[in-house]
Amino acid sequence: MDLIDSIILGIVQGLTEFLPVSSSGHLELGKALLGDDSIPEDSLVFTVVLHFATALSTLIIFRQDIVTLITALLKFEWNEDTQFIVKIMISMLPAGFLGLVFESELEALFGNNIMLVGLMLIITAVLLFMADRAKKTAKKVGFWDAFIIGISQAIAMLPGISRSGATISTSVLLGNDKSKAARFSFLMVIPLIFGKIAKDLLSGDLSYTTENFGSLSAGFIAAFLAGLFACKLMIRLVKNSQLKYFAYYCFVVGALAVILTLY
């Protein structure tokens, strides 16, 4: 993978990790359009690097929230911040179970499966449109809500289902405040991303050579900067009920992917 392709895919990952249009789906579409013929191990290393970049951008944006939550945890008190941490742990259960038990089956769904990506993008569009029409409330995410949102996060492991779109839409449809739904959605994924990165590093399946340093660095920087921009933008868009525009986008891209696959 050359330098320009790495930057393009890094920007795609950074934007789509937070914007509700499916990062995994767009990476699959991007690799197909760019004619990515890298071997699976190289592709896996690149994917891990991009996910680390977007996770780092999330830490930067929510650094005050994270410090507050860690401080609350160390106090060993059952307060609102501690309850929020427990809710995040609950939300991790479905995706953690699915990832551990069905890892090989999920990986088989990736690899230029454009038809699946297109269909899942259309489903994402429907979710976003429904969430955009939801009424405004001041309700906080509850414990049972956290588990249901976690199921949405697990389903979003399919290429083409937007993780942020699915989790925020589910939270909003459960009657939660849109700003609180976005905050919970972005914070709940941090432990899973770093857990997945650690698992990939310890698995021994990653192969790295100094020849890849330039493209990996370029992709990392592009994904990190794009992630900072997209995360801030997404919080504002959710609060102002502007998800329908992403619904239209996902529907058009999904439909085009299906049509191109058929014809």
Foldseek 3Di string as FASTA:
>chain_A
DDQVLLLVLLLLQQQQLQQQFFNLQVSLVSCVVVVPPDDPQVVVVLVLLSLVLLLVLLCVVCVVLVVVLVVVVVVVDPDPSVQLVVLLVLLQVLQVVCCVPCVVVLVVLGDNVLLQLLVLLLVLLVLLVQLLPFDADADAQDSVLSNVLSNQQNVSSHRNGRNLSSSLSSSSVVPHHNLNSLVSSSVSCSVVSVVVSVCVVVVPSHDDDPVCVSSSVSSSVSSNVSNNVNSVVSSVCSNVSNSNVSSVVSNVSSVVSNVVVVD
